[in-house]
Every structure is written in C-alpha cells, then in structure tokens.
C-alpha cells in the first residue's frame, strides 16, 4: 500500500466519522427504572434530553427511593447511549479504537 492510498483511505474514514457523529447526535435511546416508573431519554452526545416520572413513584415520605430510581435510569440511559455510539463507531472504524473521537 502506498502513502497516497493510505492518505485517501484516512480521508474517507474521517468523512464517514464526521457524518456518523452528526447522525449520532440526533439518535436517542431510552432507559427506565422501577418497572417504568422513571424514564430517561439520552442522545448520542450523552445529553439527558428528558426525564419522565410517574405519579406513583412520587412519595413525599420516601424521597430516597425516587432519587435512586432517577439515578439508576440516568446511568442506564448514559450507558445505552455510549454503547450505541461505540457500536456505530466500530462499524466505521472496523473495530479500531480511535482515542478522542467520541
């Protein structure tokens, strides 16, 4: 493989990664806790877009349980978003880990 060919492939991969990054920013995942009592939506930039809490989950005498449900749902949503990004990236990079990309 000559240097020109390698540079061309690197530029193609860079373009694909930029397109993928834009696409992933618009993708959303949803996670829940407490049997759906707390639902969270997260995008591909690991931003929490929304948190939905059912009325049944709100007990003024047990705030700690609600806090735990929210924490669990948010962490699950962030993990699902990271997994989505990792999976999409590995399709473009062929499994190569490129530090600092996402």
Protein backbone atom coordinates (compact mmCIF):
# COMPACT_ATOMS: atom_id res chain seq x y z
CA UNK A 1 0.00 0.00 0.00
CA UNK A 2 1.49 3.34 -0.98
CA UNK A 3 1.28 6.56 1.01
CA UNK A 4 -1.24 8.24 -1.34
CA UNK A 5 -3.59 5.29 -1.00
CA UNK A 6 -3.26 5.34 2.78
CA UNK A 7 -3.97 9.09 2.93
CA UNK A 8 -7.03 8.66 0.71
CA UNK A 9 -8.39 5.93 2.98
CA UNK A 10 -7.76 8.08 6.06
CA UNK A 11 -9.64 11.00 4.49
CA UNK A 12 -12.56 8.73 3.58
CA UNK A 13 -12.71 7.39 7.13
CA UNK A 14 -12.57 10.93 8.52
CA UNK A 15 -15.51 11.96 6.32
CA UNK A 16 -17.51 8.89 7.38
CA UNK A 17 -16.78 9.59 11.04
CA UNK A 18 -17.93 13.20 10.72
CA UNK A 19 -21.19 12.09 9.09
CA UNK A 20 -21.68 9.44 11.75
CA UNK A 21 -21.06 11.93 14.55
CA UNK A 22 -23.79 14.22 13.18
CA UNK A 23 -26.15 11.27 12.82
CA UNK A 24 -25.46 10.04 16.37
CA UNK A 25 -26.17 13.48 17.80
CA UNK A 26 -29.76 13.05 16.60
CA UNK A 27 -30.21 9.46 17.77
CA UNK A 28 -31.92 8.83 21.08
CA UNK A 29 -32.08 5.93 23.50
CA UNK A 30 -34.50 5.42 26.35
CA UNK A 31 -33.89 3.73 29.68
CA UNK A 32 -36.11 3.19 32.67
CA UNK A 33 -36.05 2.11 36.29
CA UNK A 34 -38.63 0.86 38.74
CA UNK A 35 -40.61 -1.01 36.11
CA UNK A 36 -41.01 2.15 34.03
CA UNK A 37 -41.72 4.47 36.96
CA UNK A 38 -38.83 6.68 35.81
CA UNK A 39 -37.93 7.00 32.12
CA UNK A 40 -34.97 8.87 30.67
CA UNK A 41 -34.10 9.81 27.08
CA UNK A 42 -30.44 10.39 26.15
CA UNK A 43 -28.93 11.36 22.80
CA UNK A 44 -25.69 10.28 21.14
CA UNK A 45 -23.84 13.20 22.75
CA UNK A 46 -24.64 11.69 26.18
CA UNK A 47 -27.02 14.55 26.96
CA UNK A 48 -30.09 13.76 29.03
CA UNK A 49 -32.99 15.05 26.95
CA UNK A 50 -35.88 14.25 29.25
CA UNK A 51 -36.85 12.58 32.50
CA UNK A 52 -40.36 11.27 32.97
CA UNK A 53 -41.55 10.31 36.46
CA UNK A 54 -44.88 8.57 37.02
CA UNK A 55 -47.12 9.92 39.77
CA UNK A 56 -47.00 6.55 41.51
CA UNK A 57 -43.25 6.94 42.00
CA UNK A 58 -43.66 10.17 43.96
CA UNK A 59 -43.99 9.55 47.69
CA UNK A 60 -43.12 12.56 49.86
CA UNK A 61 -42.30 10.18 52.69
CA UNK A 62 -39.79 8.22 50.59
CA UNK A 63 -37.75 10.66 48.51
CA UNK A 64 -34.68 8.41 48.70
CA UNK A 65 -36.33 5.72 46.59
CA UNK A 66 -37.27 8.24 43.90
CA UNK A 67 -33.74 9.63 43.90
CA UNK A 68 -32.35 6.13 43.45
CA UNK A 69 -34.76 5.41 40.59
CA UNK A 70 -33.76 8.63 38.81
CA UNK A 71 -30.07 7.92 39.31
CA UNK A 72 -30.46 4.36 38.02
CA UNK A 73 -32.45 5.44 34.97
CA UNK A 74 -30.00 8.24 34.08
CA UNK A 75 -26.97 5.96 34.41
CA UNK A 76 -28.69 3.26 32.33
CA UNK A 77 -29.54 5.83 29.67
CA UNK A 78 -26.00 7.16 29.53
CA UNK A 79 -24.62 3.61 29.26
CA UNK A 80 -27.07 2.77 26.48
CA UNK A 81 -26.05 5.93 24.62
CA UNK A 82 -22.36 5.11 24.99
CA UNK A 83 -22.98 1.56 23.75
CA UNK A 84 -24.92 2.91 20.75
CA UNK A 85 -22.06 5.25 19.85
CA UNK A 86 -19.42 2.54 20.34
CA UNK A 87 -21.30 0.09 18.15
CA UNK A 88 -21.83 2.63 15.37
CA UNK A 89 -18.20 3.74 15.53
CA UNK A 90 -16.85 0.19 15.32
CA UNK A 91 -18.78 -0.30 12.06
CA UNK A 92 -16.97 2.68 10.52
CA UNK A 93 -13.53 2.08 12.02
CA UNK A 94 -13.54 -1.70 11.69
CA UNK A 95 -13.18 -2.08 15.45
CA UNK A 96 -10.17 0.23 15.64
CA UNK A 97 -10.22 2.34 18.80
CA UNK A 98 -9.50 5.95 17.89
CA UNK A 99 -8.93 7.94 21.09
CA UNK A 100 -10.78 11.23 21.42
CA UNK A 101 -13.32 10.57 18.69
CA UNK A 102 -16.34 10.19 20.98
